[in-house]
Amino acid sequence: MPPKRPIDLSVKMLLVVGVFFALVWAATMAIVQAAGGDVLGLPIAITVVFVGLQYLLSPAIVGWTMRVRYVSPDEEPRLHELVRELAEAARIPMPRVGISELEIPNAFAFGRWRSDGRVVVTRPLLGLLDERELRAVLGHEIIHLRNRDVAVITFLSLLPNIFYYLFRIGIRMRGRNNPGPLIALVSILVYFALQLLVLYASRIREYAADEGSVKLGNPPHWMASALYKLVYGAARLPPEELKAAAGFKAFFASDPSRAQGEVRSLAELDLDRSGTIDPAELDALHKGRVRVSAGARIVEALGTHPNMLRRVQRLAQLQAQGAFRVQAPYAP
């Protein structure tokens, strides 16, 4: 029996946003009926100011924390050329290009808006990937910029924070017949539900960035090989290196904190033990059956990135659909 065709990612995102705002509306109505609309003012104001400042200052914060140094075309001509080529294909302004001195092999993109975009690779990544794999990862990051993913996830994260502040207000309410316990209970339940939806939305954006990179002319096995190497490279690092960027792992192309648990399952896909994943190995994955343990599913549900085996399986599906066209000079 052929594998089921996955639900379109844009449809999934619309469903998530629909459930998200339906839950927000229902919870807001319940709280307003219990305590009146005045109780919402302070949490909304605090959250909007805090998240707004965080969003505006995020490029400086991320750049400093991740030890980013922006490089010129003279310093890194090929890296600039690849980013420019992909940015033109994606029809976005040329982002700034940087190199991070973190020891984790990875890449990330950030910026407040498209014209403020930045694409950064860590120095170990440049020594780990070949040019085709690097192009696929850069394409993934360019799609994040094109889709305004930082802005989307930041906006969605506003609402869980509002309910967290409502929870704090509810548990501090005093007096007889006060609605505090009800407000606190509704708010904390909605907070956790919305947080799970934000994480799910983030995972959808990762799948979409992989698919977008493929559509920019990077065959799925390039991205699959790159992800395999990123996981393998992170799994070899001592825990203290991974902790250095723990607060910003959502920005990365892959979640390095899960590398130890994912490297073994990915290694099983590398049938010829070449250290890469080729089209034949992706085809074998597509025709086979992927089993993800209950523990791995829970870890995935609580994370910003999809389970890596499922992610590579999605790339195998894209290969089977022929959803790419190799760009010159890489075409055979």
Protein backbone atom coordinates (compact mmCIF):
# COMPACT_ATOMS: atom_id res chain seq x y z
CA MET A 1 0.00 0.00 0.00
CA PRO A 2 1.51 3.39 -0.97
CA PRO A 3 2.07 5.90 1.83
CA LYS A 4 -0.74 8.37 2.43
CA ARG A 5 -0.24 11.78 0.87
CA PRO A 6 0.50 14.23 3.70
CA ILE A 7 -1.86 17.09 4.40
CA ASP A 8 -0.63 20.27 2.74
CA LEU A 9 1.47 22.31 5.18
CA SER A 10 -0.46 25.52 4.51
CA VAL A 11 -3.71 23.72 5.37
CA LYS A 12 -2.17 22.46 8.61
CA MET A 13 -1.04 25.96 9.49
CA LEU A 14 -4.50 27.39 8.83
CA LEU A 15 -6.06 24.71 11.03
CA VAL A 16 -3.60 25.43 13.84
CA VAL A 17 -4.27 29.18 13.65
CA GLY A 18 -8.03 28.53 13.57
CA VAL A 19 -7.93 26.33 16.68
CA PHE A 20 -5.53 28.78 18.34
CA PHE A 21 -7.80 31.80 17.98
CA ALA A 22 -10.97 29.83 18.72
CA LEU A 23 -9.41 28.77 22.03
CA VAL A 24 -8.32 32.35 22.75
CA TRP A 25 -11.80 33.68 22.02
CA ALA A 26 -13.55 31.07 24.18
CA ALA A 27 -11.20 31.59 27.12
CA THR A 28 -11.41 35.38 26.85
CA MET A 29 -15.21 35.28 26.89
CA ALA A 30 -15.18 33.02 29.96
CA ILE A 31 -12.81 35.34 31.83
CA VAL A 32 -14.70 38.49 30.83
CA GLN A 33 -17.98 36.97 32.03
CA ALA A 34 -16.38 35.99 35.33
CA ALA A 35 -14.46 39.18 36.09
CA GLY A 36 -15.26 41.82 33.48
CA GLY A 37 -13.07 43.18 30.72
CA ASP A 38 -10.91 45.34 33.01
CA VAL A 39 -8.90 42.33 34.16
CA LEU A 40 -7.44 41.93 30.65
CA GLY A 41 -5.89 45.38 30.37
CA LEU A 42 -2.70 44.97 32.42
CA PRO A 43 -1.67 41.53 31.09
CA ILE A 44 -2.16 42.67 27.49
CA ALA A 45 -0.16 45.86 28.06
CA ILE A 46 2.71 44.07 29.82
CA THR A 47 2.92 41.34 27.20
CA VAL A 48 2.76 43.66 24.20
CA VAL A 49 5.48 45.93 25.60
CA PHE A 50 7.75 43.06 26.68
CA VAL A 51 7.42 41.00 23.50
CA GLY A 52 7.55 44.11 21.31
CA LEU A 53 10.85 45.22 22.86
CA GLN A 54 12.20 41.68 22.64
CA TYR A 55 11.30 41.56 18.94
CA LEU A 56 12.87 44.94 18.16
CA LEU A 57 16.06 44.15 20.07
CA SER A 58 16.30 40.50 18.98
CA PRO A 59 18.88 40.99 16.18
CA ALA A 60 21.35 42.56 18.62
CA ILE A 61 20.56 40.00 21.34
CA VAL A 62 20.88 36.99 19.03
CA GLY A 63 24.01 38.34 17.35
CA TRP A 64 25.75 38.90 20.68
CA THR A 65 24.63 35.65 22.32
CA MET A 66 25.45 33.51 19.28
CA ARG A 67 28.83 35.24 18.75
CA VAL A 68 28.01 36.34 15.21
CA ARG A 69 30.48 38.23 13.04
CA TYR A 70 29.13 39.56 9.77
CA VAL A 71 31.40 38.89 6.81
CA SER A 72 31.93 40.69 3.53
CA PRO A 73 31.92 39.14 0.03
CA ASP A 74 35.71 39.51 0.02
CA GLU A 75 36.02 37.40 3.17
CA GLU A 76 33.54 34.67 2.18
CA PRO A 77 32.87 35.00 -1.57
CA ARG A 78 31.28 31.59 -2.13
CA LEU A 79 29.03 31.85 0.92
CA HIS A 80 27.82 35.27 -0.24
CA GLU A 81 27.30 33.95 -3.76
CA LEU A 82 25.14 31.06 -2.56
CA VAL A 83 23.05 33.29 -0.29
CA ARG A 84 22.57 35.87 -3.06
CA GLU A 85 21.56 33.19 -5.57
CA LEU A 86 19.00 31.71 -3.18
CA ALA A 87 17.67 35.10 -2.06
CA GLU A 88 17.09 36.08 -5.69
CA ALA A 89 15.33 32.78 -6.36
CA ALA A 90 13.12 33.34 -3.30
CA ARG A 91 12.55 36.99 -4.31
CA ILE A 92 13.66 38.53 -1.04
CA PRO A 93 16.25 41.27 -0.37
CA MET A 94 19.82 40.09 0.06
CA PRO A 95 20.26 39.33 3.78
CA ARG A 96 23.37 40.07 5.79
CA VAL A 97 25.70 37.08 5.95
CA GLY A 98 27.45 36.10 9.15
CA ILE A 99 29.55 33.41 10.76
CA SER A 100 28.98 32.29 14.34
CA GLU A 101 31.89 31.11 16.43
CA LEU A 102 29.75 28.60 18.33
CA GLU A 103 31.16 25.08 18.22
CA ILE A 104 27.81 23.59 17.17
CA PRO A 105 27.56 22.80 13.44
CA ASN A 106 24.36 24.57 12.43
CA ALA A 107 22.77 27.57 10.70
CA PHE A 108 20.06 30.06 11.53
CA ALA A 109 18.23 33.08 10.17
CA PHE A 110 16.67 36.01 11.99
CA GLY A 111 15.62 39.61 11.50
CA ARG A 112 12.67 41.85 12.26
CA TRP A 113 11.46 42.03 8.65
CA ARG A 114 12.62 40.85 5.23
CA SER A 115 14.89 43.82 4.57
CA ASP A 116 16.51 43.22 7.98
CA GLY A 117 17.18 39.53 7.33
CA ARG A 118 20.40 37.83 8.43
CA VAL A 119 21.63 34.35 7.52
CA VAL A 120 24.33 32.89 9.73
CA VAL A 121 26.31 29.66 9.60
CA THR A 122 28.56 28.39 12.36
CA ARG A 123 32.19 27.87 11.48
CA PRO A 124 32.07 24.09 12.14
CA LEU A 125 29.23 23.84 9.61
CA LEU A 126 31.45 25.14 6.82
CA GLY A 127 33.93 22.34 7.44
CA LEU A 128 31.26 19.66 7.77
CA LEU A 129 29.00 20.08 4.73
CA ASP A 130 29.84 19.92 1.05
CA GLU A 131 28.61 22.75 -1.17
CA ARG A 132 25.37 21.05 -2.17
CA GLU A 133 24.42 20.30 1.43
CA LEU A 134 25.36 23.85 2.41
CA ARG A 135 23.16 25.20 -0.38
CA ALA A 136 20.22 23.15 0.90
CA VAL A 137 20.64 24.44 4.47
CA LEU A 138 21.00 28.03 3.27
CA GLY A 139 17.86 27.56 1.20
CA HIS A 140 16.04 26.39 4.34
CA GLU A 141 17.10 29.57 6.16
CA ILE A 142 16.20 31.82 3.21
CA ILE A 143 12.68 30.34 3.24
CA HIS A 144 12.37 31.17 6.94
CA LEU A 145 13.07 34.80 6.01
CA ARG A 146 10.70 34.74 3.05
CA ASN A 147 7.90 33.28 5.18
CA ARG A 148 8.55 35.78 7.99
CA ASP A 149 8.69 32.90 10.45
CA VAL A 150 10.31 34.86 13.27
CA ALA A 151 7.49 37.42 13.13
CA VAL A 152 4.78 34.74 12.87
CA ILE A 153 5.98 32.74 15.87
CA THR A 154 6.63 35.91 17.89
CA PHE A 155 3.07 37.09 17.24
CA LEU A 156 1.58 33.72 18.18
CA SER A 157 3.65 33.63 21.38
CA LEU A 158 2.05 36.90 22.53
CA LEU A 159 -1.22 35.24 23.48
CA PRO A 160 0.09 32.42 25.70
CA ASN A 161 2.04 35.05 27.64
CA ILE A 162 -1.11 37.10 28.18
CA PHE A 163 -2.83 34.09 29.74
CA TYR A 164 0.21 33.42 31.90
CA TYR A 165 -0.09 36.93 33.36
CA LEU A 166 -3.84 36.39 33.83
CA PHE A 167 -3.01 33.24 35.79
CA ARG A 168 -0.67 35.26 38.02
CA ILE A 169 -3.41 37.85 38.58
CA GLY A 170 -5.99 35.15 39.34
CA ILE A 171 -3.95 33.47 42.06
CA ARG A 172 -3.39 36.83 43.77
CA MET A 173 -7.07 37.82 43.94
CA ARG A 174 -8.49 37.94 47.46
CA GLY A 175 -11.94 38.31 48.99
CA ARG A 176 -15.11 36.27 49.17
CA ASN A 177 -16.82 35.19 45.96
CA ASN A 178 -13.93 36.50 43.90
CA PRO A 179 -13.39 34.99 40.42
CA GLY A 180 -9.66 34.53 40.98
CA PRO A 181 -9.58 30.70 41.17
CA LEU A 182 -11.65 30.37 37.99
CA ILE A 183 -9.48 32.91 36.15
CA ALA A 184 -6.31 31.15 37.31
CA LEU A 185 -7.57 27.69 36.30
CA VAL A 186 -8.83 28.74 32.86
CA SER A 187 -5.73 30.82 32.19
CA ILE A 188 -3.16 28.17 33.07
CA LEU A 189 -4.97 25.49 31.05
CA VAL A 190 -5.24 27.80 28.05
CA TYR A 191 -1.61 28.86 28.49
CA PHE A 192 -0.36 25.28 28.20
CA ALA A 193 -2.70 24.49 25.30
CA LEU A 194 -1.58 27.58 23.38
CA GLN A 195 2.08 26.85 24.05
CA LEU A 196 1.65 23.38 22.53
CA LEU A 197 -0.03 24.95 19.50
CA VAL A 198 2.81 27.47 19.11
CA LEU A 199 5.33 24.62 19.21
CA TYR A 200 3.29 22.71 16.63
CA ALA A 201 3.18 25.80 14.42
CA SER A 202 6.96 26.09 14.74
CA ARG A 203 7.38 22.48 13.60
CA ILE A 204 5.13 23.13 10.60
CA ARG A 205 7.35 26.10 9.68
CA GLU A 206 10.39 23.80 9.77
CA TYR A 207 8.75 21.35 7.38
CA ALA A 208 7.76 24.28 5.15
CA ALA A 209 11.34 25.60 5.13
CA ASP A 210 12.64 22.17 4.10
CA GLU A 211 10.06 22.00 1.32
CA GLY A 212 10.83 25.55 0.24
CA SER A 213 14.53 24.76 0.01
CA VAL A 214 13.70 21.81 -2.23
CA LYS A 215 11.62 24.07 -4.47
CA LEU A 216 14.59 26.44 -4.75
CA GLY A 217 16.37 23.67 -6.63
CA ASN A 218 17.94 21.61 -3.85
CA PRO A 219 17.11 17.89 -4.23
CA PRO A 220 15.71 16.36 -1.03
CA HIS A 221 18.74 14.13 -0.47
CA TRP A 222 20.97 17.20 -0.16
CA MET A 223 18.90 18.45 2.77
CA ALA A 224 18.59 14.95 4.24
CA SER A 225 22.38 14.50 4.15
CA ALA A 226 22.90 17.92 5.69
CA LEU A 227 20.51 17.16 8.54
CA TYR A 228 22.20 13.79 9.10
CA LYS A 229 25.57 15.52 9.39
CA LEU A 230 24.21 18.25 11.68
CA VAL A 231 22.80 15.64 14.04
CA TYR A 232 25.99 13.56 13.95
CA GLY A 233 28.16 16.63 14.52
CA ALA A 234 26.09 17.84 17.48
CA ALA A 235 25.95 14.36 19.02
CA ARG A 236 29.75 14.32 19.29
CA LEU A 237 29.91 17.56 21.28
CA PRO A 238 30.19 17.69 25.08
CA PRO A 239 27.00 18.83 26.87
CA GLU A 240 28.53 22.14 27.94
CA GLU A 241 28.92 23.18 24.30
CA LEU A 242 25.24 22.51 23.63
CA LYS A 243 24.19 24.47 26.72
CA ALA A 244 25.88 27.58 25.33
CA ALA A 245 23.05 28.08 22.84
CA ALA A 246 20.19 26.32 24.64
CA GLY A 247 18.06 29.46 24.82
CA PHE A 248 18.23 30.01 21.07
CA LYS A 249 17.95 26.47 19.73
CA ALA A 250 14.59 27.34 18.13
CA PHE A 251 16.52 29.43 15.59
CA PHE A 252 18.67 26.52 14.41
CA ALA A 253 18.08 24.39 11.32
CA SER A 254 18.03 21.39 13.67
CA ASP A 255 17.70 21.06 17.45
CA PRO A 256 21.18 20.11 18.72
CA SER A 257 19.87 19.21 22.18
CA ARG A 258 18.13 16.15 20.68
CA ALA A 259 21.09 14.93 18.64
CA GLN A 260 22.08 12.13 21.01
CA GLY A 261 18.65 10.56 20.74
CA GLU A 262 18.32 11.03 16.98
CA VAL A 263 21.70 10.02 15.61
CA ARG A 264 21.14 6.28 15.90
CA SER A 265 17.85 6.23 13.98
CA LEU A 266 19.35 8.40 11.24
CA ALA A 267 22.44 6.19 11.00
CA GLU A 268 20.14 3.27 10.17
CA LEU A 269 19.07 5.15 7.02
CA ASP A 270 22.68 5.33 5.84
CA LEU A 271 22.63 1.86 4.32
CA ASP A 272 26.07 2.06 2.70
CA ARG A 273 27.65 3.79 5.73
CA SER A 274 28.92 6.61 3.54
CA GLY A 275 28.10 9.35 6.03
CA THR A 276 25.50 10.79 3.65
CA ILE A 277 21.95 9.98 2.57
CA ASP A 278 21.61 9.43 -1.16
CA PRO A 279 18.48 9.24 -3.38
CA ALA A 280 18.36 5.44 -3.18
CA GLU A 281 18.37 5.55 0.62
CA LEU A 282 15.60 8.14 0.63
CA ASP A 283 13.63 5.94 -1.75
CA ALA A 284 14.07 2.98 0.61
CA LEU A 285 12.79 5.11 3.48
CA HIS A 286 9.77 6.20 1.44
CA LYS A 287 8.86 2.60 0.62
CA GLY A 288 9.43 1.38 4.17
CA ARG A 289 7.63 2.08 7.40
CA VAL A 290 8.87 4.63 9.90
CA ARG A 291 8.38 3.83 13.57
CA VAL A 292 8.74 6.62 16.11
CA SER A 293 8.64 5.61 19.77
CA ALA A 294 6.14 7.08 22.22
CA GLY A 295 8.99 8.79 24.05
CA ALA A 296 10.23 10.40 20.85
CA ARG A 297 6.70 11.60 20.07
CA ILE A 298 6.47 13.28 23.48
CA VAL A 299 9.86 14.94 23.01
CA GLU A 300 8.71 16.15 19.59
CA ALA A 301 5.43 17.54 20.96
CA LEU A 302 7.39 19.62 23.47
CA GLY A 303 9.92 20.89 20.94
CA THR A 304 10.21 23.52 18.23
CA HIS A 305 11.57 21.08 15.62
CA PRO A 306 10.03 17.94 14.15
CA ASN A 307 11.37 14.51 14.98
CA MET A 308 14.36 14.16 12.67
CA LEU A 309 13.34 10.76 11.31
CA ARG A 310 9.92 12.14 10.38
CA ARG A 311 11.57 15.16 8.85
CA VAL A 312 13.76 13.04 6.60
CA GLN A 313 10.72 10.90 5.79
CA ARG A 314 8.98 14.06 4.58
CA LEU A 315 11.98 14.76 2.33
CA ALA A 316 11.66 11.21 0.98
CA GLN A 317 8.03 11.94 0.12
CA LEU A 318 9.06 15.11 -1.71
CA GLN A 319 11.61 13.12 -3.69
CA ALA A 320 8.96 10.56 -4.64
CA GLN A 321 6.68 13.38 -5.80
CA GLY A 322 9.45 14.91 -7.92
CA ALA A 323 8.87 18.25 -6.22
CA PHE A 324 12.18 19.80 -7.28
CA ARG A 325 14.24 20.92 -10.22
CA VAL A 326 18.03 20.91 -9.87
CA GLN A 327 19.54 24.29 -10.69
CA ALA A 328 22.66 24.86 -12.78
CA PRO A 329 25.55 24.27 -12.23
CA TYR A 330 24.41 21.27 -10.18
CA ALA A 331 22.23 19.62 -12.84
CA PRO A 332 23.68 16.40 -14.25
